Structure formats: C-alpha cells, structure tokens
N, C-alpha and C. Protein backbone atom coordinates (compact mmCIF):
# COMPACT_ATOMS: atom_id res chain seq x y z
N UNK A 1 38.21 -0.80 10.08
CA UNK A 1 36.83 -1.00 10.52
C UNK A 1 36.81 -2.05 11.62
N UNK A 2 36.45 -1.63 12.84
CA UNK A 2 36.48 -2.54 13.98
C UNK A 2 35.15 -3.24 14.20
N UNK A 3 34.05 -2.62 13.78
CA UNK A 3 32.74 -3.21 14.01
C UNK A 3 32.56 -4.45 13.14
N UNK A 4 31.91 -5.46 13.73
CA UNK A 4 31.62 -6.68 12.98
C UNK A 4 30.55 -6.39 11.92
N UNK A 5 30.82 -6.80 10.70
CA UNK A 5 29.88 -6.61 9.61
C UNK A 5 29.06 -7.88 9.43
N UNK A 6 27.76 -7.77 9.56
CA UNK A 6 26.88 -8.92 9.39
C UNK A 6 26.53 -9.03 7.92
N UNK A 7 26.76 -10.21 7.34
CA UNK A 7 26.57 -10.40 5.91
C UNK A 7 25.33 -11.22 5.56
N UNK A 8 24.87 -12.02 6.49
CA UNK A 8 23.72 -12.88 6.21
C UNK A 8 22.44 -12.06 6.21
N UNK A 9 21.66 -12.05 5.10
CA UNK A 9 20.47 -11.19 5.03
C UNK A 9 19.39 -11.55 6.04
N UNK A 10 19.23 -12.86 6.32
CA UNK A 10 18.23 -13.25 7.30
C UNK A 10 18.60 -12.74 8.70
N UNK A 11 19.89 -12.77 9.00
CA UNK A 11 20.34 -12.28 10.30
C UNK A 11 20.16 -10.77 10.40
N UNK A 12 20.46 -10.07 9.32
CA UNK A 12 20.28 -8.62 9.31
C UNK A 12 18.83 -8.26 9.57
N UNK A 13 17.92 -8.96 8.87
CA UNK A 13 16.50 -8.68 9.05
C UNK A 13 16.05 -9.00 10.46
N UNK A 14 16.45 -10.16 10.98
CA UNK A 14 16.04 -10.56 12.32
C UNK A 14 16.56 -9.58 13.37
N UNK A 15 17.81 -9.16 13.22
CA UNK A 15 18.37 -8.19 14.16
C UNK A 15 17.65 -6.84 14.06
N UNK A 16 17.31 -6.45 12.84
CA UNK A 16 16.58 -5.20 12.65
C UNK A 16 15.23 -5.25 13.35
N UNK A 17 14.53 -6.37 13.18
CA UNK A 17 13.22 -6.50 13.82
C UNK A 17 13.35 -6.49 15.34
N UNK A 18 14.40 -7.09 15.86
CA UNK A 18 14.61 -7.08 17.30
C UNK A 18 14.84 -5.67 17.82
N UNK A 19 15.60 -4.89 17.07
CA UNK A 19 15.85 -3.50 17.46
C UNK A 19 14.55 -2.70 17.43
N UNK A 20 13.76 -2.90 16.37
CA UNK A 20 12.49 -2.18 16.26
C UNK A 20 11.57 -2.56 17.42
N UNK A 21 11.45 -3.86 17.70
CA UNK A 21 10.60 -4.31 18.80
C UNK A 21 11.02 -3.68 20.12
N UNK A 22 12.34 -3.64 20.34
CA UNK A 22 12.85 -3.10 21.60
C UNK A 22 12.62 -1.60 21.71
N UNK A 23 12.81 -0.88 20.63
CA UNK A 23 12.66 0.58 20.67
C UNK A 23 11.19 1.00 20.76
N UNK A 24 10.32 0.24 20.13
CA UNK A 24 8.89 0.58 20.19
C UNK A 24 8.29 0.19 21.53
N UNK A 25 8.65 -0.99 22.02
CA UNK A 25 8.09 -1.44 23.29
C UNK A 25 6.61 -1.76 23.16
N UNK A 26 5.84 -1.44 24.18
CA UNK A 26 4.40 -1.74 24.18
C UNK A 26 3.69 -0.89 23.12
N UNK A 27 2.71 -1.49 22.46
CA UNK A 27 1.93 -0.78 21.44
C UNK A 27 0.53 -1.37 21.40
N UNK A 28 -0.34 -0.74 20.60
CA UNK A 28 -1.74 -1.15 20.55
C UNK A 28 -2.10 -1.98 19.33
N UNK A 29 -1.12 -2.32 18.50
CA UNK A 29 -1.42 -3.11 17.31
C UNK A 29 -1.63 -4.58 17.68
N UNK A 30 -2.54 -5.24 16.95
CA UNK A 30 -2.78 -6.65 17.23
C UNK A 30 -1.72 -7.50 16.52
N UNK A 31 -1.70 -8.82 16.78
CA UNK A 31 -0.62 -9.66 16.24
C UNK A 31 -0.54 -9.74 14.73
N UNK A 32 -1.60 -9.36 14.01
CA UNK A 32 -1.54 -9.38 12.55
C UNK A 32 -1.25 -7.99 11.99
N UNK A 33 -1.53 -6.97 12.75
CA UNK A 33 -1.21 -5.61 12.31
C UNK A 33 0.26 -5.27 12.53
N UNK A 34 0.81 -5.71 13.65
CA UNK A 34 2.18 -5.31 13.99
C UNK A 34 3.21 -5.73 12.95
N UNK A 35 3.15 -6.94 12.36
CA UNK A 35 4.14 -7.27 11.33
C UNK A 35 4.12 -6.30 10.15
N UNK A 36 2.96 -5.74 9.84
CA UNK A 36 2.88 -4.76 8.76
C UNK A 36 3.57 -3.46 9.17
N UNK A 37 3.24 -2.97 10.36
CA UNK A 37 3.85 -1.73 10.83
C UNK A 37 5.35 -1.89 11.00
N UNK A 38 5.77 -3.03 11.53
CA UNK A 38 7.20 -3.25 11.74
C UNK A 38 7.96 -3.24 10.43
N UNK A 39 7.36 -3.79 9.37
CA UNK A 39 8.04 -3.77 8.06
C UNK A 39 8.09 -2.35 7.47
N UNK A 40 7.08 -1.55 7.75
CA UNK A 40 7.14 -0.16 7.31
C UNK A 40 8.31 0.55 8.00
N UNK A 41 8.45 0.35 9.29
CA UNK A 41 9.57 0.96 10.01
C UNK A 41 10.90 0.41 9.50
N UNK A 42 10.94 -0.87 9.22
CA UNK A 42 12.16 -1.49 8.70
C UNK A 42 12.55 -0.87 7.36
N UNK A 43 11.56 -0.54 6.54
CA UNK A 43 11.82 0.05 5.22
C UNK A 43 12.27 1.49 5.33
N UNK A 44 11.72 2.23 6.30
CA UNK A 44 11.93 3.67 6.37
C UNK A 44 12.87 4.13 7.47
N UNK A 45 13.10 3.28 8.47
CA UNK A 45 13.82 3.67 9.69
C UNK A 45 13.14 4.87 10.37
N UNK A 46 11.83 4.93 10.25
CA UNK A 46 11.06 6.06 10.77
C UNK A 46 10.01 5.55 11.74
N UNK A 47 10.21 5.85 13.01
CA UNK A 47 9.31 5.35 14.04
C UNK A 47 8.02 6.16 14.14
N UNK A 48 7.90 7.23 13.36
CA UNK A 48 6.63 7.96 13.32
C UNK A 48 5.49 7.08 12.84
N UNK A 49 5.81 6.03 12.08
CA UNK A 49 4.76 5.17 11.54
C UNK A 49 4.07 4.33 12.61
N UNK A 50 4.67 4.25 13.79
CA UNK A 50 3.96 3.61 14.91
C UNK A 50 2.74 4.46 15.27
N UNK A 51 2.89 5.76 15.17
CA UNK A 51 1.83 6.68 15.56
C UNK A 51 0.80 6.90 14.45
N UNK A 52 1.25 6.87 13.18
CA UNK A 52 0.33 7.31 12.13
C UNK A 52 -0.23 6.20 11.24
N UNK A 53 0.15 4.94 11.45
CA UNK A 53 -0.39 3.84 10.64
C UNK A 53 -1.72 3.37 11.23
N UNK A 54 -2.72 3.27 10.37
CA UNK A 54 -4.07 2.92 10.81
C UNK A 54 -4.66 1.82 9.92
N UNK A 55 -5.48 1.00 10.52
CA UNK A 55 -6.12 -0.13 9.85
C UNK A 55 -7.63 -0.06 10.03
N UNK A 56 -8.36 -0.27 8.94
CA UNK A 56 -9.80 -0.44 9.07
C UNK A 56 -10.08 -1.77 9.79
N UNK A 57 -11.21 -1.88 10.47
CA UNK A 57 -11.54 -3.14 11.14
C UNK A 57 -11.55 -4.31 10.16
N UNK A 58 -10.92 -5.41 10.56
CA UNK A 58 -10.91 -6.66 9.80
C UNK A 58 -10.20 -6.55 8.44
N UNK A 59 -9.45 -5.47 8.22
CA UNK A 59 -8.85 -5.30 6.89
C UNK A 59 -7.76 -6.35 6.60
N UNK A 60 -7.06 -6.80 7.62
CA UNK A 60 -6.02 -7.81 7.37
C UNK A 60 -6.65 -9.09 6.85
N UNK A 61 -7.72 -9.53 7.47
CA UNK A 61 -8.41 -10.74 7.03
C UNK A 61 -8.95 -10.57 5.61
N UNK A 62 -9.50 -9.40 5.31
CA UNK A 62 -10.02 -9.15 3.97
C UNK A 62 -8.90 -9.13 2.94
N UNK A 63 -7.77 -8.55 3.29
CA UNK A 63 -6.64 -8.48 2.37
C UNK A 63 -6.08 -9.87 2.09
N UNK A 64 -5.94 -10.66 3.13
CA UNK A 64 -5.44 -12.03 2.97
C UNK A 64 -6.37 -12.83 2.06
N UNK A 65 -7.67 -12.70 2.27
CA UNK A 65 -8.64 -13.41 1.44
C UNK A 65 -8.55 -12.97 -0.02
N UNK A 66 -8.39 -11.67 -0.24
CA UNK A 66 -8.29 -11.14 -1.61
C UNK A 66 -7.04 -11.65 -2.31
N UNK A 67 -5.94 -11.71 -1.59
CA UNK A 67 -4.70 -12.25 -2.17
C UNK A 67 -4.86 -13.72 -2.52
N UNK A 68 -5.47 -14.47 -1.63
CA UNK A 68 -5.65 -15.90 -1.89
C UNK A 68 -6.61 -16.15 -3.05
N UNK A 69 -7.50 -15.20 -3.31
CA UNK A 69 -8.38 -15.32 -4.48
C UNK A 69 -7.68 -14.92 -5.77
N UNK A 70 -6.50 -14.33 -5.64
CA UNK A 70 -5.76 -13.91 -6.82
C UNK A 70 -6.30 -12.66 -7.48
N UNK A 71 -6.85 -11.75 -6.69
CA UNK A 71 -7.43 -10.54 -7.27
C UNK A 71 -6.35 -9.67 -7.93
N UNK A 72 -6.66 -9.06 -9.07
CA UNK A 72 -5.69 -8.17 -9.72
C UNK A 72 -5.45 -6.92 -8.88
N UNK A 73 -4.24 -6.39 -9.00
CA UNK A 73 -3.78 -5.28 -8.17
C UNK A 73 -3.45 -4.09 -9.05
N UNK A 74 -3.97 -2.92 -8.71
CA UNK A 74 -3.64 -1.70 -9.44
C UNK A 74 -2.70 -0.85 -8.60
N UNK A 75 -1.58 -0.43 -9.20
CA UNK A 75 -0.62 0.47 -8.57
C UNK A 75 -0.75 1.85 -9.19
N UNK A 76 -0.59 2.89 -8.40
CA UNK A 76 -0.72 4.23 -8.98
C UNK A 76 0.54 4.68 -9.71
N UNK A 77 1.68 4.04 -9.45
CA UNK A 77 2.91 4.36 -10.19
C UNK A 77 3.71 3.08 -10.41
N UNK A 78 4.60 3.12 -11.38
CA UNK A 78 5.48 1.99 -11.64
C UNK A 78 6.49 1.81 -10.51
N UNK A 79 6.77 2.87 -9.76
CA UNK A 79 7.67 2.74 -8.61
C UNK A 79 7.06 1.84 -7.54
N UNK A 80 5.76 1.93 -7.35
CA UNK A 80 5.09 1.03 -6.40
C UNK A 80 5.20 -0.41 -6.90
N UNK A 81 4.90 -0.61 -8.16
CA UNK A 81 4.97 -1.96 -8.73
C UNK A 81 6.38 -2.55 -8.62
N UNK A 82 7.39 -1.71 -8.77
CA UNK A 82 8.77 -2.19 -8.73
C UNK A 82 9.14 -2.75 -7.37
N UNK A 83 8.50 -2.26 -6.31
CA UNK A 83 8.86 -2.70 -4.97
C UNK A 83 8.13 -3.95 -4.49
N UNK A 84 7.19 -4.44 -5.28
CA UNK A 84 6.41 -5.62 -4.87
C UNK A 84 7.24 -6.89 -5.13
N UNK A 85 7.18 -7.81 -4.18
CA UNK A 85 7.90 -9.08 -4.30
C UNK A 85 7.22 -9.94 -5.36
N UNK A 86 7.83 -10.02 -6.54
CA UNK A 86 7.19 -10.69 -7.69
C UNK A 86 7.07 -12.20 -7.52
N UNK A 87 8.11 -12.91 -7.03
CA UNK A 87 7.94 -14.36 -6.85
C UNK A 87 6.81 -14.71 -5.88
N UNK A 88 6.71 -13.94 -4.82
CA UNK A 88 5.63 -14.20 -3.86
C UNK A 88 4.28 -13.88 -4.48
N UNK A 89 4.21 -12.80 -5.22
CA UNK A 89 2.96 -12.42 -5.88
C UNK A 89 2.52 -13.49 -6.88
N UNK A 90 3.48 -14.05 -7.58
CA UNK A 90 3.18 -15.07 -8.59
C UNK A 90 2.56 -16.30 -7.94
N UNK A 91 2.97 -16.62 -6.74
CA UNK A 91 2.41 -17.78 -6.06
C UNK A 91 0.92 -17.60 -5.76
N UNK A 92 0.50 -16.36 -5.60
CA UNK A 92 -0.92 -16.09 -5.36
C UNK A 92 -1.69 -15.94 -6.66
N UNK A 93 -1.00 -15.77 -7.77
CA UNK A 93 -1.68 -15.62 -9.05
C UNK A 93 -2.28 -14.24 -9.26
N UNK A 94 -1.82 -13.26 -8.51
CA UNK A 94 -2.32 -11.89 -8.65
C UNK A 94 -1.56 -11.17 -9.76
N UNK A 95 -2.29 -10.49 -10.63
CA UNK A 95 -1.66 -9.72 -11.69
C UNK A 95 -1.49 -8.28 -11.23
N UNK A 96 -0.29 -7.74 -11.44
CA UNK A 96 0.04 -6.39 -11.04
C UNK A 96 -0.11 -5.46 -12.25
N UNK A 97 -0.87 -4.38 -12.08
CA UNK A 97 -1.13 -3.47 -13.20
C UNK A 97 -0.84 -2.03 -12.80
N UNK A 98 -0.39 -1.24 -13.78
CA UNK A 98 -0.20 0.19 -13.59
C UNK A 98 -0.43 0.85 -14.94
N UNK A 99 -1.35 1.81 -14.99
CA UNK A 99 -1.73 2.42 -16.26
C UNK A 99 -1.35 3.89 -16.38
N UNK A 100 -0.64 4.42 -15.39
CA UNK A 100 -0.38 5.85 -15.39
C UNK A 100 0.52 6.28 -16.55
N UNK A 101 1.31 5.35 -17.09
CA UNK A 101 2.20 5.68 -18.20
C UNK A 101 1.65 5.24 -19.55
N UNK A 102 0.42 4.70 -19.57
CA UNK A 102 -0.18 4.28 -20.84
C UNK A 102 -0.38 5.50 -21.75
N UNK A 103 -0.07 5.32 -23.02
CA UNK A 103 -0.14 6.44 -23.96
C UNK A 103 -1.55 7.02 -24.05
N UNK A 104 -2.55 6.14 -24.10
CA UNK A 104 -3.92 6.64 -24.23
C UNK A 104 -4.39 7.35 -22.97
N UNK A 105 -3.89 6.91 -21.82
CA UNK A 105 -4.22 7.59 -20.56
C UNK A 105 -3.60 8.99 -20.55
N UNK A 106 -2.35 9.09 -20.97
CA UNK A 106 -1.67 10.39 -20.99
C UNK A 106 -2.37 11.35 -21.95
N UNK A 107 -2.75 10.86 -23.12
CA UNK A 107 -3.40 11.71 -24.11
C UNK A 107 -4.77 12.19 -23.63
N UNK A 108 -5.54 11.29 -23.04
CA UNK A 108 -6.87 11.64 -22.56
C UNK A 108 -6.79 12.62 -21.38
N UNK A 109 -5.82 12.40 -20.49
CA UNK A 109 -5.66 13.29 -19.34
C UNK A 109 -5.31 14.71 -19.80
N UNK A 110 -4.44 14.81 -20.80
CA UNK A 110 -4.08 16.12 -21.32
C UNK A 110 -5.27 16.80 -21.97
N UNK A 111 -6.05 16.03 -22.70
CA UNK A 111 -7.22 16.59 -23.38
C UNK A 111 -8.27 17.07 -22.39
N UNK A 112 -8.42 16.33 -21.27
CA UNK A 112 -9.45 16.67 -20.29
C UNK A 112 -8.95 17.64 -19.23
N UNK A 113 -7.64 17.84 -19.17
CA UNK A 113 -7.08 18.74 -18.17
C UNK A 113 -7.13 18.19 -16.76
N UNK A 114 -6.98 16.86 -16.64
CA UNK A 114 -6.96 16.21 -15.33
C UNK A 114 -5.71 15.36 -15.22
N UNK A 115 -5.46 14.82 -14.04
CA UNK A 115 -4.26 14.02 -13.85
C UNK A 115 -4.38 12.65 -14.51
N UNK A 116 -3.25 12.13 -14.94
CA UNK A 116 -3.21 10.77 -15.48
C UNK A 116 -3.65 9.75 -14.43
N UNK A 117 -3.37 10.06 -13.17
CA UNK A 117 -3.71 9.13 -12.10
C UNK A 117 -5.21 8.89 -12.01
N UNK A 118 -6.00 9.92 -12.29
CA UNK A 118 -7.46 9.76 -12.26
C UNK A 118 -7.90 8.78 -13.32
N UNK A 119 -7.41 8.97 -14.55
CA UNK A 119 -7.82 8.09 -15.64
C UNK A 119 -7.23 6.70 -15.49
N UNK A 120 -6.04 6.60 -14.94
CA UNK A 120 -5.44 5.28 -14.70
C UNK A 120 -6.25 4.50 -13.67
N UNK A 121 -6.76 5.21 -12.68
CA UNK A 121 -7.61 4.57 -11.67
C UNK A 121 -8.91 4.08 -12.30
N UNK A 122 -9.51 4.91 -13.13
CA UNK A 122 -10.74 4.50 -13.80
C UNK A 122 -10.50 3.24 -14.65
N UNK A 123 -9.38 3.20 -15.33
CA UNK A 123 -9.07 2.06 -16.18
C UNK A 123 -8.90 0.79 -15.34
N UNK A 124 -8.19 0.90 -14.23
CA UNK A 124 -8.02 -0.26 -13.35
C UNK A 124 -9.32 -0.76 -12.77
N UNK A 125 -10.19 0.18 -12.39
CA UNK A 125 -11.50 -0.21 -11.87
C UNK A 125 -12.31 -0.92 -12.95
N UNK A 126 -12.28 -0.38 -14.17
CA UNK A 126 -13.02 -0.99 -15.28
C UNK A 126 -12.53 -2.40 -15.58
N UNK A 127 -11.27 -2.65 -15.32
CA UNK A 127 -10.68 -3.98 -15.54
C UNK A 127 -10.98 -4.95 -14.41
N UNK A 128 -11.58 -4.47 -13.34
CA UNK A 128 -11.94 -5.36 -12.24
C UNK A 128 -10.91 -5.51 -11.16
N UNK A 129 -9.97 -4.58 -11.07
CA UNK A 129 -8.98 -4.66 -9.99
C UNK A 129 -9.68 -4.55 -8.64
N UNK A 130 -9.23 -5.36 -7.68
CA UNK A 130 -9.84 -5.36 -6.36
C UNK A 130 -8.92 -4.85 -5.27
N UNK A 131 -7.61 -4.87 -5.54
CA UNK A 131 -6.61 -4.40 -4.59
C UNK A 131 -5.95 -3.16 -5.19
N UNK A 132 -5.84 -2.09 -4.38
CA UNK A 132 -5.31 -0.82 -4.88
C UNK A 132 -4.15 -0.37 -4.01
N UNK A 133 -3.02 -0.11 -4.65
CA UNK A 133 -1.83 0.40 -3.97
C UNK A 133 -1.59 1.82 -4.44
N UNK A 134 -1.85 2.79 -3.57
CA UNK A 134 -1.71 4.20 -3.92
C UNK A 134 -0.67 4.81 -3.00
N UNK A 135 0.52 5.05 -3.55
CA UNK A 135 1.62 5.56 -2.75
C UNK A 135 2.03 6.98 -3.08
N UNK A 136 1.44 7.55 -4.13
CA UNK A 136 1.91 8.86 -4.57
C UNK A 136 0.81 9.86 -4.88
N UNK A 137 -0.26 9.42 -5.53
CA UNK A 137 -1.22 10.35 -6.12
C UNK A 137 -2.49 10.50 -5.29
N UNK A 138 -2.66 11.62 -4.59
CA UNK A 138 -3.92 11.85 -3.89
C UNK A 138 -5.12 11.83 -4.82
N UNK A 139 -4.94 12.29 -6.08
CA UNK A 139 -6.08 12.29 -7.00
C UNK A 139 -6.55 10.88 -7.32
N UNK A 140 -5.62 9.92 -7.33
CA UNK A 140 -6.01 8.53 -7.54
C UNK A 140 -6.85 8.03 -6.37
N UNK A 141 -6.45 8.40 -5.17
CA UNK A 141 -7.19 7.96 -3.98
C UNK A 141 -8.58 8.60 -3.94
N UNK A 142 -8.65 9.89 -4.23
CA UNK A 142 -9.95 10.56 -4.29
C UNK A 142 -10.86 9.93 -5.35
N UNK A 143 -10.28 9.63 -6.51
CA UNK A 143 -11.07 9.04 -7.59
C UNK A 143 -11.58 7.66 -7.21
N UNK A 144 -10.75 6.87 -6.57
CA UNK A 144 -11.18 5.54 -6.13
C UNK A 144 -12.33 5.64 -5.14
N UNK A 145 -12.24 6.58 -4.22
CA UNK A 145 -13.33 6.75 -3.26
C UNK A 145 -14.61 7.20 -3.96
N UNK A 146 -14.47 8.08 -4.96
CA UNK A 146 -15.65 8.52 -5.71
C UNK A 146 -16.28 7.36 -6.46
N UNK A 147 -15.45 6.54 -7.10
CA UNK A 147 -15.96 5.40 -7.86
C UNK A 147 -16.61 4.36 -6.95
N UNK A 148 -16.11 4.27 -5.74
CA UNK A 148 -16.72 3.36 -4.77
C UNK A 148 -18.10 3.86 -4.36
N UNK A 149 -18.21 5.16 -4.18
CA UNK A 149 -19.50 5.74 -3.79
C UNK A 149 -20.55 5.54 -4.88
N UNK A 150 -20.13 5.55 -6.14
CA UNK A 150 -21.08 5.35 -7.24
C UNK A 150 -21.39 3.88 -7.48
N UNK A 151 -20.63 2.99 -6.83
CA UNK A 151 -20.83 1.57 -7.03
C UNK A 151 -20.00 0.98 -8.15
N UNK A 152 -19.21 1.81 -8.84
CA UNK A 152 -18.38 1.31 -9.94
C UNK A 152 -17.21 0.49 -9.43
N UNK A 153 -16.68 0.84 -8.27
CA UNK A 153 -15.54 0.12 -7.68
C UNK A 153 -15.99 -0.58 -6.41
N UNK A 154 -15.45 -1.78 -6.22
CA UNK A 154 -15.73 -2.54 -5.01
C UNK A 154 -14.41 -3.09 -4.47
N UNK A 155 -13.58 -2.23 -3.92
CA UNK A 155 -12.24 -2.67 -3.50
C UNK A 155 -12.27 -3.63 -2.32
N UNK A 156 -11.40 -4.63 -2.40
CA UNK A 156 -11.20 -5.54 -1.28
C UNK A 156 -10.13 -5.03 -0.34
N UNK A 157 -9.24 -4.17 -0.87
CA UNK A 157 -8.18 -3.58 -0.07
C UNK A 157 -7.75 -2.28 -0.72
N UNK A 158 -7.62 -1.23 0.09
CA UNK A 158 -7.07 0.04 -0.37
C UNK A 158 -5.87 0.38 0.52
N UNK A 159 -4.69 0.28 -0.06
CA UNK A 159 -3.49 0.77 0.62
C UNK A 159 -3.31 2.21 0.14
N UNK A 160 -3.72 3.15 0.98
CA UNK A 160 -3.72 4.55 0.60
C UNK A 160 -2.69 5.32 1.39
N UNK A 161 -1.49 5.49 0.81
CA UNK A 161 -0.40 6.16 1.53
C UNK A 161 0.29 7.21 0.65
N UNK A 162 -0.47 8.07 -0.06
CA UNK A 162 0.19 9.09 -0.87
C UNK A 162 1.04 10.02 -0.01
N UNK A 163 2.14 10.45 -0.58
CA UNK A 163 3.10 11.29 0.13
C UNK A 163 3.07 12.70 -0.42
N UNK A 164 3.35 13.69 0.42
CA UNK A 164 3.51 15.03 -0.11
C UNK A 164 2.76 16.10 0.65
N UNK A 165 2.64 17.27 -0.01
CA UNK A 165 2.14 18.46 0.66
C UNK A 165 0.81 18.97 0.09
N UNK A 166 0.43 18.51 -1.10
CA UNK A 166 -0.80 19.00 -1.73
C UNK A 166 -1.79 17.85 -1.86
N UNK A 167 -2.72 17.79 -0.95
CA UNK A 167 -3.78 16.79 -1.02
C UNK A 167 -3.47 15.45 -0.39
N UNK A 168 -2.22 15.19 -0.07
CA UNK A 168 -1.88 13.85 0.45
C UNK A 168 -2.52 13.61 1.81
N UNK A 169 -2.28 14.51 2.73
CA UNK A 169 -2.83 14.34 4.07
C UNK A 169 -4.36 14.34 4.04
N UNK A 170 -4.92 15.25 3.25
CA UNK A 170 -6.38 15.37 3.19
C UNK A 170 -7.03 14.13 2.58
N UNK A 171 -6.41 13.57 1.55
CA UNK A 171 -6.97 12.37 0.93
C UNK A 171 -6.95 11.19 1.89
N UNK A 172 -5.90 11.11 2.69
CA UNK A 172 -5.81 10.01 3.66
C UNK A 172 -6.80 10.20 4.80
N UNK A 173 -7.07 11.43 5.18
CA UNK A 173 -8.10 11.66 6.19
C UNK A 173 -9.47 11.25 5.67
N UNK A 174 -9.72 11.54 4.38
CA UNK A 174 -10.99 11.11 3.78
C UNK A 174 -11.08 9.59 3.75
N UNK A 175 -9.99 8.92 3.45
CA UNK A 175 -9.97 7.46 3.46
C UNK A 175 -10.20 6.93 4.86
N UNK A 176 -9.55 7.55 5.84
CA UNK A 176 -9.68 7.12 7.23
C UNK A 176 -11.14 7.23 7.69
N UNK A 177 -11.84 8.23 7.20
CA UNK A 177 -13.23 8.44 7.60
C UNK A 177 -14.21 7.59 6.80
N UNK A 178 -13.71 6.91 5.78
CA UNK A 178 -14.58 6.11 4.92
C UNK A 178 -14.85 4.74 5.55
N UNK A 179 -15.70 3.98 4.87
CA UNK A 179 -15.98 2.61 5.30
C UNK A 179 -15.23 1.59 4.45
N UNK A 180 -14.24 2.04 3.71
CA UNK A 180 -13.47 1.15 2.85
C UNK A 180 -12.51 0.29 3.67
N UNK A 181 -12.11 -0.86 3.14
CA UNK A 181 -11.11 -1.70 3.80
C UNK A 181 -9.72 -1.13 3.55
N UNK A 182 -9.27 -0.22 4.41
CA UNK A 182 -8.06 0.54 4.15
C UNK A 182 -6.92 0.21 5.11
N UNK A 183 -5.72 0.49 4.62
CA UNK A 183 -4.53 0.65 5.46
C UNK A 183 -3.93 1.99 5.03
N UNK A 184 -3.71 2.88 5.97
CA UNK A 184 -3.20 4.19 5.63
C UNK A 184 -2.20 4.67 6.68
N UNK A 185 -1.47 5.71 6.32
CA UNK A 185 -0.53 6.37 7.22
C UNK A 185 -0.92 7.85 7.24
N UNK A 186 -1.52 8.28 8.32
CA UNK A 186 -2.04 9.64 8.37
C UNK A 186 -0.90 10.66 8.39
N UNK A 187 -1.18 11.83 7.82
CA UNK A 187 -0.16 12.86 7.76
C UNK A 187 0.46 12.95 6.37
N UNK A 188 1.58 13.64 6.28
CA UNK A 188 2.24 13.88 4.99
C UNK A 188 3.08 12.71 4.50
N UNK A 189 3.52 11.87 5.41
CA UNK A 189 4.47 10.82 5.05
C UNK A 189 3.76 9.67 4.33
N UNK A 190 4.51 9.00 3.47
CA UNK A 190 3.99 7.88 2.70
C UNK A 190 4.95 7.58 1.57
N UNK A 191 4.43 7.09 0.44
CA UNK A 191 5.28 6.88 -0.72
C UNK A 191 5.24 5.48 -1.29
N UNK A 192 5.92 5.34 -2.42
CA UNK A 192 5.93 4.08 -3.17
C UNK A 192 6.45 2.92 -2.35
N UNK A 193 7.58 3.14 -1.68
CA UNK A 193 8.19 2.05 -0.91
C UNK A 193 7.27 1.54 0.18
N UNK A 194 6.53 2.45 0.80
CA UNK A 194 5.63 2.04 1.87
C UNK A 194 4.44 1.26 1.31
N UNK A 195 3.88 1.72 0.20
CA UNK A 195 2.76 0.99 -0.41
C UNK A 195 3.17 -0.43 -0.76
N UNK A 196 4.35 -0.58 -1.38
CA UNK A 196 4.84 -1.91 -1.74
C UNK A 196 5.14 -2.74 -0.50
N UNK A 197 5.72 -2.13 0.50
CA UNK A 197 6.06 -2.84 1.74
C UNK A 197 4.82 -3.40 2.41
N UNK A 198 3.75 -2.62 2.42
CA UNK A 198 2.51 -3.10 3.04
C UNK A 198 2.00 -4.34 2.32
N UNK A 199 1.99 -4.31 1.00
CA UNK A 199 1.53 -5.49 0.27
C UNK A 199 2.45 -6.68 0.52
N UNK A 200 3.76 -6.45 0.53
CA UNK A 200 4.70 -7.55 0.79
C UNK A 200 4.45 -8.16 2.16
N UNK A 201 4.19 -7.33 3.15
CA UNK A 201 3.91 -7.83 4.49
C UNK A 201 2.62 -8.64 4.52
N UNK A 202 1.61 -8.17 3.80
CA UNK A 202 0.34 -8.88 3.75
C UNK A 202 0.48 -10.24 3.06
N UNK A 203 1.31 -10.30 2.03
CA UNK A 203 1.54 -11.59 1.36
C UNK A 203 2.21 -12.59 2.28
N UNK A 204 3.13 -12.11 3.11
CA UNK A 204 3.76 -13.01 4.09
C UNK A 204 2.72 -13.54 5.07
N UNK A 205 1.84 -12.66 5.53
CA UNK A 205 0.77 -13.11 6.42
C UNK A 205 -0.15 -14.12 5.72
N UNK A 206 -0.43 -13.88 4.45
CA UNK A 206 -1.30 -14.80 3.70
C UNK A 206 -0.65 -16.16 3.54
N UNK A 207 0.64 -16.21 3.42
CA UNK A 207 1.35 -17.48 3.34
C UNK A 207 1.41 -18.19 4.67
N UNK A 208 1.60 -17.44 5.74
CA UNK A 208 1.80 -18.04 7.06
C UNK A 208 0.50 -18.54 7.67
N UNK A 209 -0.61 -17.87 7.36
CA UNK A 209 -1.89 -18.23 8.01
C UNK A 209 -2.79 -18.98 7.05
C-alpha cells in the first residue's frame, strides 16, 4: 500500500469537509444551513443532497432554541436514535424517545390495522415531544402533520427525511408545502443516518452559537 493512510479522526473529518467544499463550490445555503448539508454529504458521500435538502425559514434558529430548552425528541425508529450523539445530547438535557417497538403500540396497531409508526407518533405527541426525527416512516410524518393541524402537536422542529418508494417522496412534499419548522430532503432519498446526522449537526451549531 503506497498511499498514506490518515489515522487521526479530526484530520480525516477536516480533509473530508475540504473535499466537499471544493467539489460543491458556490451554493445558495446560508452559513448556518451549509454545515448541516455538508454533514449529510459527509455521512452519505452523495452530492445529490446539495440539490434536494431544504429548510423552512428560520428553522435553524428555532431548532437551536428547542435544543437549548431541552425539549424531548421523538425518533420514528431505534436506528435513528442509535445515530444520535448521546454525550452531546446529554449536555442539552434532551430526552430521546422511540415508541415504535413498544409492546402496547404493536398490539394496538395490529388491532386497528394501521402502522406502528402512526401510534408511536401519537404517543410521542401526547408525551409532549417537541423535536421529531423521522427517517423512515412516511406514515409517521403524515400523522405528525395531521396532529399539528388539529392542534394536538406543536413541533419546534421536524426533521422529515423518510426514505423509499411508497409515500416517502409524497410525504416530504407535503411537509415542504406546510408551515411547519422543517428540514427535509426532497425525493426518494433519506433514512435513519440522515435524520440523526441533521440533529447532530444542529447540536454542534447550538454549542457554537
């Protein structure tokens, strides 16, 4: 092996960011949005996210404020929760919750013939969660929007990036057209890693500013 292997993690990250900055070049993201998009690209090695990542007006400021208030966070899957930086989250005092695997949620969903994600979302809203990380389930995103319309939910941040072919793109278009404080990636792409990455990037911004 002739190529030099870089072992220092900080150097690897810094070099990766430099490569991303150079390959993207000029863009329309503001100084608080770009660190979020750059971390998504860093996680995925997919430059399509320069084109499809969208932010509601003032959502970064709202997200930072919600984190500093220590608002509880609902994840649509345990995979999303697994990717969140726990030491950083602990410093903000935010509790991370996921109810999709709860026994009572599974039983009720089967009885009603609906997805567990719908009932897990209802449970998180009832508990007062203000930050929502949805990386997989379009039905969770649709349910959150419905609960917001009824006044049951009052989200401070909706990271809506479900991935897939059935309902994912459509749910994100509905979110994009809403008045919610959202961060989304339009199209089919998304997933657990991206939802967690967005929150991790926002926590870094909340610490720095």
